Amino acid sequence: MPSLTAKQADRRLKALPLWARRAKVIHRTFVFGGFEDAVAFVNRVARAAERSDHHPDINIRWNKVTLALSTHSEGGLTAKDFSMALRCSALFSGHSGRG
């Protein structure tokens, strides 16, 4: 899967509210009511990542989870990153315990 140009990545990013691009990575921080909700979200992301064989970098800070996506094998952003970001946003939207 070929890497996207910066212009292509920025165009796709418009469809992902609250996600941002820094160089060859897209990222977003999700905020929850507490640690258990944050970890439950990470577990749902982990299951989705395993199914798609595309794994985000994950940082957990009490009630905040930051996900960062890049296709390391391609040296940049690909359609897989934006697809996974969309899945993660949907998982967050479906989470009833968020803060």
PDB file of N, CA and C in Angstrom:
ATOM      1  N   MET A   1       0.858  -1.171   0.000  1.00  0.00           N
ATOM      2  CA  MET A   1       0.000   0.000   0.000  1.00  0.00           C
ATOM      3  C   MET A   1       0.908   1.240   0.000  1.00  0.00           C
ATOM      4  N   PRO A   2       0.766   2.105  -0.974  1.00  0.00           N
ATOM      5  CA  PRO A   2       1.669   3.264  -1.068  1.00  0.00           C
ATOM      6  C   PRO A   2       1.366   4.343  -0.023  1.00  0.00           C
ATOM      7  N   SER A   3       2.421   5.052   0.351  1.00  0.00           N
ATOM      8  CA  SER A   3       2.257   6.185   1.274  1.00  0.00           C
ATOM      9  C   SER A   3       1.490   7.305   0.590  1.00  0.00           C
ATOM     10  N   LEU A   4       0.756   8.044   1.392  1.00  0.00           N
ATOM     11  CA  LEU A   4       0.018   9.199   0.891  1.00  0.00           C
ATOM     12  C   LEU A   4       0.921  10.432   0.914  1.00  0.00           C
ATOM     13  N   THR A   5       0.680  11.341  -0.019  1.00  0.00           N
ATOM     14  CA  THR A   5       1.379  12.619   0.027  1.00  0.00           C
ATOM     15  C   THR A   5       0.785  13.440   1.170  1.00  0.00           C
ATOM     16  N   ALA A   6       1.472  14.498   1.563  1.00  0.00           N
ATOM     17  CA  ALA A   6       0.958  15.369   2.627  1.00  0.00           C
ATOM     18  C   ALA A   6      -0.407  15.930   2.237  1.00  0.00           C
ATOM     19  N   LYS A   7      -0.569  16.303   0.991  1.00  0.00           N
ATOM     20  CA  LYS A   7      -1.849  16.858   0.522  1.00  0.00           C
ATOM     21  C   LYS A   7      -2.956  15.809   0.595  1.00  0.00           C
ATOM     22  N   GLN A   8      -2.657  14.580   0.186  1.00  0.00           N
ATOM     23  CA  GLN A   8      -3.650  13.506   0.264  1.00  0.00           C
ATOM     24  C   GLN A   8      -4.015  13.214   1.720  1.00  0.00           C
ATOM     25  N   ALA A   9      -3.014  13.192   2.587  1.00  0.00           N
ATOM     26  CA  ALA A   9      -3.259  12.932   4.015  1.00  0.00           C
ATOM     27  C   ALA A   9      -4.129  14.033   4.611  1.00  0.00           C
ATOM     28  N   ASP A  10      -3.817  15.280   4.312  1.00  0.00           N
ATOM     29  CA  ASP A  10      -4.605  16.392   4.844  1.00  0.00           C
ATOM     30  C   ASP A  10      -6.045  16.346   4.344  1.00  0.00           C
ATOM     31  N   ARG A  11      -6.233  15.935   3.119  1.00  0.00           N
ATOM     32  CA  ARG A  11      -7.592  15.822   2.568  1.00  0.00           C
ATOM     33  C   ARG A  11      -8.375  14.741   3.327  1.00  0.00           C
ATOM     34  N   ARG A  12      -7.746  13.614   3.597  1.00  0.00           N
ATOM     35  CA  ARG A  12      -8.412  12.534   4.338  1.00  0.00           C
ATOM     36  C   ARG A  12      -8.654  12.924   5.796  1.00  0.00           C
ATOM     37  N   LEU A  13      -7.764  13.727   6.339  1.00  0.00           N
ATOM     38  CA  LEU A  13      -7.873  14.149   7.735  1.00  0.00           C
ATOM     39  C   LEU A  13      -9.133  14.982   7.982  1.00  0.00           C
ATOM     40  N   LYS A  14      -9.612  15.662   6.966  1.00  0.00           N
ATOM     41  CA  LYS A  14     -10.819  16.483   7.102  1.00  0.00           C
ATOM     42  C   LYS A  14     -12.036  15.651   7.503  1.00  0.00           C
ATOM     43  N   ALA A  15     -11.998  14.364   7.188  1.00  0.00           N
ATOM     44  CA  ALA A  15     -13.112  13.471   7.537  1.00  0.00           C
ATOM     45  C   ALA A  15     -12.973  12.899   8.944  1.00  0.00           C
ATOM     46  N   LEU A  16     -11.912  13.273   9.661  1.00  0.00           N
ATOM     47  CA  LEU A  16     -11.654  12.743  11.004  1.00  0.00           C
ATOM     48  C   LEU A  16     -11.566  13.871  12.018  1.00  0.00           C
ATOM     49  N   PRO A  17     -12.694  14.362  12.500  1.00  0.00           N
ATOM     50  CA  PRO A  17     -12.663  15.445  13.489  1.00  0.00           C
ATOM     51  C   PRO A  17     -11.821  15.065  14.709  1.00  0.00           C
ATOM     52  N   LEU A  18     -11.099  16.019  15.218  1.00  0.00           N
ATOM     53  CA  LEU A  18     -10.266  15.906  16.418  1.00  0.00           C
ATOM     54  C   LEU A  18      -8.963  15.127  16.201  1.00  0.00           C
ATOM     55  N   TRP A  19      -8.744  14.574  15.029  1.00  0.00           N
ATOM     56  CA  TRP A  19      -7.467  13.965  14.707  1.00  0.00           C
ATOM     57  C   TRP A  19      -6.573  15.045  14.109  1.00  0.00           C
ATOM     58  N   ALA A  20      -5.279  14.924  14.319  1.00  0.00           N
ATOM     59  CA  ALA A  20      -4.315  15.885  13.779  1.00  0.00           C
ATOM     60  C   ALA A  20      -3.163  15.119  13.139  1.00  0.00           C
ATOM     61  N   ARG A  21      -2.457  15.796  12.256  1.00  0.00           N
ATOM     62  CA  ARG A  21      -1.297  15.186  11.607  1.00  0.00           C
ATOM     63  C   ARG A  21      -0.041  15.917  12.045  1.00  0.00           C
ATOM     64  N   ARG A  22       0.964  15.150  12.384  1.00  0.00           N
ATOM     65  CA  ARG A  22       2.299  15.690  12.655  1.00  0.00           C
ATOM     66  C   ARG A  22       3.252  14.871  11.814  1.00  0.00           C
ATOM     67  N   ALA A  23       3.776  15.483  10.765  1.00  0.00           N
ATOM     68  CA  ALA A  23       4.665  14.805   9.821  1.00  0.00           C
ATOM     69  C   ALA A  23       3.971  13.563   9.262  1.00  0.00           C
ATOM     70  N   LYS A  24       4.482  12.378   9.550  1.00  0.00           N
ATOM     71  CA  LYS A  24       3.954  11.135   8.972  1.00  0.00           C
ATOM     72  C   LYS A  24       3.134  10.322   9.953  1.00  0.00           C
ATOM     73  N   VAL A  25       2.488  11.019  10.901  1.00  0.00           N
ATOM     74  CA  VAL A  25       1.680  10.361  11.928  1.00  0.00           C
ATOM     75  C   VAL A  25       0.380  11.137  12.121  1.00  0.00           C
ATOM     76  N   ILE A  26      -0.725  10.414  12.304  1.00  0.00           N
ATOM     77  CA  ILE A  26      -1.967  11.060  12.745  1.00  0.00           C
ATOM     78  C   ILE A  26      -2.207  10.626  14.188  1.00  0.00           C
ATOM     79  N   HIS A  27      -2.787  11.536  14.980  1.00  0.00           N
ATOM     80  CA  HIS A  27      -2.976  11.244  16.400  1.00  0.00           C
ATOM     81  C   HIS A  27      -4.221  11.940  16.927  1.00  0.00           C
ATOM     82  N   ARG A  28      -4.724  11.374  18.025  1.00  0.00           N
ATOM     83  CA  ARG A  28      -5.871  11.956  18.718  1.00  0.00           C
ATOM     84  C   ARG A  28      -5.835  11.510  20.175  1.00  0.00           C
ATOM     85  N   THR A  29      -6.267  12.396  21.063  1.00  0.00           N
ATOM     86  CA  THR A  29      -6.413  12.067  22.479  1.00  0.00           C
ATOM     87  C   THR A  29      -7.891  11.951  22.805  1.00  0.00           C
ATOM     88  N   PHE A  30      -8.261  10.850  23.436  1.00  0.00           N
ATOM     89  CA  PHE A  30      -9.630  10.567  23.847  1.00  0.00           C
ATOM     90  C   PHE A  30      -9.690  10.714  25.369  1.00  0.00           C
ATOM     91  N   VAL A  31     -10.745  11.358  25.877  1.00  0.00           N
ATOM     92  CA  VAL A  31     -10.871  11.601  27.319  1.00  0.00           C
ATOM     93  C   VAL A  31     -12.065  10.816  27.866  1.00  0.00           C
ATOM     94  N   PHE A  32     -11.845  10.176  29.023  1.00  0.00           N
ATOM     95  CA  PHE A  32     -12.844   9.317  29.653  1.00  0.00           C
ATOM     96  C   PHE A  32     -13.119   9.777  31.072  1.00  0.00           C
ATOM     97  N   GLY A  33     -14.122   9.168  31.694  1.00  0.00           N
ATOM     98  CA  GLY A  33     -14.482   9.500  33.069  1.00  0.00           C
ATOM     99  C   GLY A  33     -13.490   9.000  34.101  1.00  0.00           C
ATOM    100  N   GLY A  34     -12.689   8.026  33.756  1.00  0.00           N
ATOM    101  CA  GLY A  34     -11.711   7.471  34.690  1.00  0.00           C
ATOM    102  C   GLY A  34     -10.838   6.444  34.013  1.00  0.00           C
ATOM    103  N   PHE A  35      -9.954   5.865  34.788  1.00  0.00           N
ATOM    104  CA  PHE A  35      -8.962   4.928  34.287  1.00  0.00           C
ATOM    105  C   PHE A  35      -9.587   3.666  33.701  1.00  0.00           C
ATOM    106  N   GLU A  36     -10.579   3.098  34.401  1.00  0.00           N
ATOM    107  CA  GLU A  36     -11.182   1.855  33.910  1.00  0.00           C
ATOM    108  C   GLU A  36     -11.840   2.045  32.545  1.00  0.00           C
ATOM    109  N   ASP A  37     -12.510   3.168  32.351  1.00  0.00           N
ATOM    110  CA  ASP A  37     -13.115   3.447  31.041  1.00  0.00           C
ATOM    111  C   ASP A  37     -12.043   3.592  29.968  1.00  0.00           C
ATOM    112  N   ALA A  38     -10.947   4.235  30.319  1.00  0.00           N
ATOM    113  CA  ALA A  38      -9.850   4.413  29.360  1.00  0.00           C
ATOM    114  C   ALA A  38      -9.264   3.062  28.956  1.00  0.00           C
ATOM    115  N   VAL A  39      -9.051   2.198  29.927  1.00  0.00           N
ATOM    116  CA  VAL A  39      -8.480   0.877  29.644  1.00  0.00           C
ATOM    117  C   VAL A  39      -9.471   0.018  28.850  1.00  0.00           C
ATOM    118  N   ALA A  40     -10.753   0.117  29.146  1.00  0.00           N
ATOM    119  CA  ALA A  40     -11.765  -0.624  28.385  1.00  0.00           C
ATOM    120  C   ALA A  40     -11.737  -0.198  26.918  1.00  0.00           C
ATOM    121  N   PHE A  41     -11.580   1.096  26.666  1.00  0.00           N
ATOM    122  CA  PHE A  41     -11.469   1.595  25.301  1.00  0.00           C
ATOM    123  C   PHE A  41     -10.216   1.023  24.627  1.00  0.00           C
ATOM    124  N   VAL A  42      -9.105   1.031  25.336  1.00  0.00           N
ATOM    125  CA  VAL A  42      -7.864   0.479  24.777  1.00  0.00           C
ATOM    126  C   VAL A  42      -8.057  -0.986  24.409  1.00  0.00           C
ATOM    127  N   ASN A  43      -8.763  -1.731  25.238  1.00  0.00           N
ATOM    128  CA  ASN A  43      -9.016  -3.141  24.925  1.00  0.00           C
ATOM    129  C   ASN A  43      -9.854  -3.294  23.659  1.00  0.00           C
ATOM    130  N   ARG A  44     -10.840  -2.431  23.467  1.00  0.00           N
ATOM    131  CA  ARG A  44     -11.644  -2.481  22.234  1.00  0.00           C
ATOM    132  C   ARG A  44     -10.788  -2.111  21.027  1.00  0.00           C
ATOM    133  N   VAL A  45      -9.928  -1.109  21.181  1.00  0.00           N
ATOM    134  CA  VAL A  45      -9.016  -0.726  20.097  1.00  0.00           C
ATOM    135  C   VAL A  45      -8.076  -1.894  19.775  1.00  0.00           C
ATOM    136  N   ALA A  46      -7.586  -2.568  20.807  1.00  0.00           N
ATOM    137  CA  ALA A  46      -6.670  -3.693  20.598  1.00  0.00           C
ATOM    138  C   ALA A  46      -7.331  -4.797  19.777  1.00  0.00           C
ATOM    139  N   ARG A  47      -8.586  -5.107  20.086  1.00  0.00           N
ATOM    140  CA  ARG A  47      -9.300  -6.140  19.323  1.00  0.00           C
ATOM    141  C   ARG A  47      -9.473  -5.714  17.863  1.00  0.00           C
ATOM    142  N   ALA A  48      -9.842  -4.467  17.640  1.00  0.00           N
ATOM    143  CA  ALA A  48     -10.000  -3.964  16.270  1.00  0.00           C
ATOM    144  C   ALA A  48      -8.660  -3.952  15.534  1.00  0.00           C
ATOM    145  N   ALA A  49      -7.600  -3.600  16.235  1.00  0.00           N
ATOM    146  CA  ALA A  49      -6.270  -3.558  15.624  1.00  0.00           C
ATOM    147  C   ALA A  49      -5.819  -4.962  15.223  1.00  0.00           C
ATOM    148  N   GLU A  50      -6.090  -5.938  16.066  1.00  0.00           N
ATOM    149  CA  GLU A  50      -5.722  -7.319  15.731  1.00  0.00           C
ATOM    150  C   GLU A  50      -6.482  -7.803  14.496  1.00  0.00           C
ATOM    151  N   ARG A  51      -7.772  -7.495  14.444  1.00  0.00           N
ATOM    152  CA  ARG A  51      -8.584  -7.907  13.286  1.00  0.00           C
ATOM    153  C   ARG A  51      -8.080  -7.274  11.996  1.00  0.00           C
ATOM    154  N   SER A  52      -7.637  -6.020  12.068  1.00  0.00           N
ATOM    155  CA  SER A  52      -7.189  -5.331  10.850  1.00  0.00           C
ATOM    156  C   SER A  52      -5.686  -5.471  10.617  1.00  0.00           C
ATOM    157  N   ASP A  53      -4.982  -6.074  11.564  1.00  0.00           N
ATOM    158  CA  ASP A  53      -3.519  -6.216  11.499  1.00  0.00           C
ATOM    159  C   ASP A  53      -2.852  -4.854  11.282  1.00  0.00           C
ATOM    160  N   HIS A  54      -3.341  -3.874  12.042  1.00  0.00           N
ATOM    161  CA  HIS A  54      -2.769  -2.523  11.990  1.00  0.00           C
ATOM    162  C   HIS A  54      -2.874  -1.933  13.394  1.00  0.00           C
ATOM    163  N   HIS A  55      -1.731  -1.709  14.025  1.00  0.00           N
ATOM    164  CA  HIS A  55      -1.688  -1.414  15.448  1.00  0.00           C
ATOM    165  C   HIS A  55      -1.223   0.008  15.735  1.00  0.00           C
ATOM    166  N   PRO A  56      -2.028   0.775  16.454  1.00  0.00           N
ATOM    167  CA  PRO A  56      -1.615   2.139  16.813  1.00  0.00           C
ATOM    168  C   PRO A  56      -0.626   2.121  17.974  1.00  0.00           C
ATOM    169  N   ASP A  57       0.143   3.184  18.088  1.00  0.00           N
ATOM    170  CA  ASP A  57       0.900   3.430  19.305  1.00  0.00           C
ATOM    171  C   ASP A  57      -0.101   3.976  20.310  1.00  0.00           C
ATOM    172  N   ILE A  58      -0.065   3.474  21.542  1.00  0.00           N
ATOM    173  CA  ILE A  58      -1.058   3.826  22.551  1.00  0.00           C
ATOM    174  C   ILE A  58      -0.370   4.365  23.793  1.00  0.00           C
ATOM    175  N   ASN A  59      -0.859   5.514  24.265  1.00  0.00           N
ATOM    176  CA  ASN A  59      -0.357   6.117  25.497  1.00  0.00           C
ATOM    177  C   ASN A  59      -1.556   6.329  26.413  1.00  0.00           C
ATOM    178  N   ILE A  60      -1.498   5.748  27.614  1.00  0.00           N
ATOM    179  CA  ILE A  60      -2.590   5.888  28.583  1.00  0.00           C
ATOM    180  C   ILE A  60      -2.111   6.754  29.741  1.00  0.00           C
ATOM    181  N   ARG A  61      -2.876   7.794  30.051  1.00  0.00           N
ATOM    182  CA  ARG A  61      -2.608   8.681  31.189  1.00  0.00           C
ATOM    183  C   ARG A  61      -3.914   8.835  31.960  1.00  0.00           C
ATOM    184  N   TRP A  62      -4.095   8.053  32.998  1.00  0.00           N
ATOM    185  CA  TRP A  62      -5.284   8.001  33.831  1.00  0.00           C
ATOM    186  C   TRP A  62      -6.563   7.965  33.000  1.00  0.00           C
ATOM    187  N   ASN A  63      -7.166   9.119  32.677  1.00  0.00           N
ATOM    188  CA  ASN A  63      -8.434   9.118  31.941  1.00  0.00           C
ATOM    189  C   ASN A  63      -8.265   9.550  30.484  1.00  0.00           C
ATOM    190  N   LYS A  64      -7.044   9.585  30.007  1.00  0.00           N
ATOM    191  CA  LYS A  64      -6.771  10.008  28.623  1.00  0.00           C
ATOM    192  C   LYS A  64      -6.005   8.919  27.887  1.00  0.00           C
ATOM    193  N   VAL A  65      -6.431   8.687  26.648  1.00  0.00           N
ATOM    194  CA  VAL A  65      -5.757   7.724  25.780  1.00  0.00           C
ATOM    195  C   VAL A  65      -5.390   8.457  24.502  1.00  0.00           C
ATOM    196  N   THR A  66      -4.110   8.451  24.176  1.00  0.00           N
ATOM    197  CA  THR A  66      -3.656   9.039  22.923  1.00  0.00           C
ATOM    198  C   THR A  66      -3.269   7.914  21.978  1.00  0.00           C
ATOM    199  N   LEU A  67      -3.844   7.946  20.787  1.00  0.00           N
ATOM    200  CA  LEU A  67      -3.521   6.977  19.748  1.00  0.00           C
ATOM    201  C   LEU A  67      -2.738   7.690  18.653  1.00  0.00           C
ATOM    202  N   ALA A  68      -1.714   7.035  18.152  1.00  0.00           N
ATOM    203  CA  ALA A  68      -0.919   7.560  17.043  1.00  0.00           C
ATOM    204  C   ALA A  68      -0.819   6.467  15.987  1.00  0.00           C
ATOM    205  N   LEU A  69      -1.068   6.844  14.744  1.00  0.00           N
ATOM    206  CA  LEU A  69      -1.077   5.882  13.645  1.00  0.00           C
ATOM    207  C   LEU A  69      -0.126   6.298  12.533  1.00  0.00           C
ATOM    208  N   SER A  70       0.598   5.320  12.037  1.00  0.00           N
ATOM    209  CA  SER A  70       1.474   5.479  10.882  1.00  0.00           C
ATOM    210  C   SER A  70       1.756   4.072  10.365  1.00  0.00           C
ATOM    211  N   THR A  71       1.950   3.935   9.078  1.00  0.00           N
ATOM    212  CA  THR A  71       2.278   2.628   8.516  1.00  0.00           C
ATOM    213  C   THR A  71       3.789   2.538   8.399  1.00  0.00           C
ATOM    214  N   HIS A  72       4.402   1.962   9.414  1.00  0.00           N
ATOM    215  CA  HIS A  72       5.864   1.938   9.502  1.00  0.00           C
ATOM    216  C   HIS A  72       6.494   1.223   8.308  1.00  0.00           C
ATOM    217  N   SER A  73       5.860   0.167   7.824  1.00  0.00           N
ATOM    218  CA  SER A  73       6.423  -0.588   6.699  1.00  0.00           C
ATOM    219  C   SER A  73       6.462   0.238   5.412  1.00  0.00           C
ATOM    220  N   GLU A  74       5.630   1.273   5.334  1.00  0.00           N
ATOM    221  CA  GLU A  74       5.598   2.142   4.154  1.00  0.00           C
ATOM    222  C   GLU A  74       6.303   3.463   4.397  1.00  0.00           C
ATOM    223  N   GLY A  75       6.732   3.690   5.632  1.00  0.00           N
ATOM    224  CA  GLY A  75       7.451   4.923   5.938  1.00  0.00           C
ATOM    225  C   GLY A  75       6.583   6.164   5.965  1.00  0.00           C
ATOM    226  N   GLY A  76       5.302   6.001   6.242  1.00  0.00           N
ATOM    227  CA  GLY A  76       4.418   7.162   6.294  1.00  0.00           C
ATOM    228  C   GLY A  76       2.975   6.759   6.454  1.00  0.00           C
ATOM    229  N   LEU A  77       2.101   7.661   6.094  1.00  0.00           N
ATOM    230  CA  LEU A  77       0.662   7.436   6.224  1.00  0.00           C
ATOM    231  C   LEU A  77       0.111   6.739   4.994  1.00  0.00           C
ATOM    232  N   THR A  78      -0.796   5.797   5.239  1.00  0.00           N
ATOM    233  CA  THR A  78      -1.493   5.111   4.153  1.00  0.00           C
ATOM    234  C   THR A  78      -2.987   5.106   4.467  1.00  0.00           C
ATOM    235  N   ALA A  79      -3.751   4.578   3.540  1.00  0.00           N
ATOM    236  CA  ALA A  79      -5.201   4.472   3.746  1.00  0.00           C
ATOM    237  C   ALA A  79      -5.515   3.635   4.992  1.00  0.00           C
ATOM    238  N   LYS A  80      -4.648   2.672   5.334  1.00  0.00           N
ATOM    239  CA  LYS A  80      -4.879   1.836   6.522  1.00  0.00           C
ATOM    240  C   LYS A  80      -4.940   2.678   7.793  1.00  0.00           C
ATOM    241  N   ASP A  81      -4.118   3.722   7.863  1.00  0.00           N
ATOM    242  CA  ASP A  81      -4.103   4.573   9.054  1.00  0.00           C
ATOM    243  C   ASP A  81      -5.427   5.310   9.218  1.00  0.00           C
ATOM    244  N   PHE A  82      -5.936   5.820   8.128  1.00  0.00           N
ATOM    245  CA  PHE A  82      -7.186   6.576   8.195  1.00  0.00           C
ATOM    246  C   PHE A  82      -8.373   5.660   8.453  1.00  0.00           C
ATOM    247  N   SER A  83      -8.322   4.461   7.923  1.00  0.00           N
ATOM    248  CA  SER A  83      -9.370   3.480   8.189  1.00  0.00           C
ATOM    249  C   SER A  83      -9.375   3.090   9.665  1.00  0.00           C
ATOM    250  N   MET A  84      -8.194   2.853  10.231  1.00  0.00           N
ATOM    251  CA  MET A  84      -8.103   2.497  11.652  1.00  0.00           C
ATOM    252  C   MET A  84      -8.528   3.674  12.525  1.00  0.00           C
ATOM    253  N   ALA A  85      -8.160   4.889  12.157  1.00  0.00           N
ATOM    254  CA  ALA A  85      -8.568   6.071  12.920  1.00  0.00           C
ATOM    255  C   ALA A  85     -10.088   6.193  12.944  1.00  0.00           C
ATOM    256  N   LEU A  86     -10.711   5.947  11.812  1.00  0.00           N
ATOM    257  CA  LEU A  86     -12.174   5.994  11.737  1.00  0.00           C
ATOM    258  C   LEU A  86     -12.788   4.940  12.655  1.00  0.00           C
ATOM    259  N   ARG A  87     -12.219   3.737  12.670  1.00  0.00           N
ATOM    260  CA  ARG A  87     -12.711   2.679  13.563  1.00  0.00           C
ATOM    261  C   ARG A  87     -12.572   3.086  15.023  1.00  0.00           C
ATOM    262  N   CYS A  88     -11.429   3.661  15.362  1.00  0.00           N
ATOM    263  CA  CYS A  88     -11.191   4.065  16.756  1.00  0.00           C
ATOM    264  C   CYS A  88     -12.169   5.162  17.176  1.00  0.00           C
ATOM    265  N   SER A  89     -12.422   6.115  16.289  1.00  0.00           N
ATOM    266  CA  SER A  89     -13.393   7.169  16.590  1.00  0.00           C
ATOM    267  C   SER A  89     -14.781   6.583  16.791  1.00  0.00           C
ATOM    268  N   ALA A  90     -15.135   5.601  15.981  1.00  0.00           N
ATOM    269  CA  ALA A  90     -16.436   4.953  16.132  1.00  0.00           C
ATOM    270  C   ALA A  90     -16.523   4.187  17.449  1.00  0.00           C
ATOM    271  N   LEU A  91     -15.439   3.535  17.836  1.00  0.00           N
ATOM    272  CA  LEU A  91     -15.422   2.836  19.126  1.00  0.00           C
ATOM    273  C   LEU A  91     -15.609   3.825  20.271  1.00  0.00           C
ATOM    274  N   PHE A  92     -15.012   4.973  20.165  1.00  0.00           N
ATOM    275  CA  PHE A  92     -15.155   6.001  21.193  1.00  0.00           C
ATOM    276  C   PHE A  92     -16.585   6.532  21.213  1.00  0.00           C
ATOM    277  N   SER A  93     -17.150   6.783  20.054  1.00  0.00           N
ATOM    278  CA  SER A  93     -18.526   7.299  19.976  1.00  0.00           C
ATOM    279  C   SER A  93     -19.521   6.326  20.589  1.00  0.00           C
ATOM    280  N   GLY A  94     -19.234   5.036  20.480  1.00  0.00           N
ATOM    281  CA  GLY A  94     -20.115   4.016  21.022  1.00  0.00           C
ATOM    282  C   GLY A  94     -19.881   3.712  22.488  1.00  0.00           C
ATOM    283  N   HIS A  95     -18.927   4.392  23.086  1.00  0.00           N
ATOM    284  CA  HIS A  95     -18.595   4.142  24.503  1.00  0.00           C
ATOM    285  C   HIS A  95     -19.503   4.968  25.400  1.00  0.00           C
ATOM    286  N   SER A  96     -20.305   4.304  26.210  1.00  0.00           N
ATOM    287  CA  SER A  96     -21.295   5.009  27.032  1.00  0.00           C
ATOM    288  C   SER A  96     -20.708   5.628  28.292  1.00  0.00           C
ATOM    289  N   GLY A  97     -19.516   5.214  28.729  1.00  0.00           N
ATOM    290  CA  GLY A  97     -18.978   5.694  29.986  1.00  0.00           C
ATOM    291  C   GLY A  97     -17.985   6.826  29.857  1.00  0.00           C
ATOM    292  N   ARG A  98     -17.894   7.431  28.703  1.00  0.00           N
ATOM    293  CA  ARG A  98     -16.869   8.456  28.511  1.00  0.00           C
ATOM    294  C   ARG A  98     -17.207   9.739  29.270  1.00  0.00           C
ATOM    295  N   GLY A  99     -16.160  10.485  29.569  1.00  0.00           N
ATOM    296  CA  GLY A  99     -16.340  11.736  30.303  1.00  0.00           C
ATOM    297  C   GLY A  99     -16.345  12.937  29.429  1.00  0.00           C
TER     298      GLY A  99
END
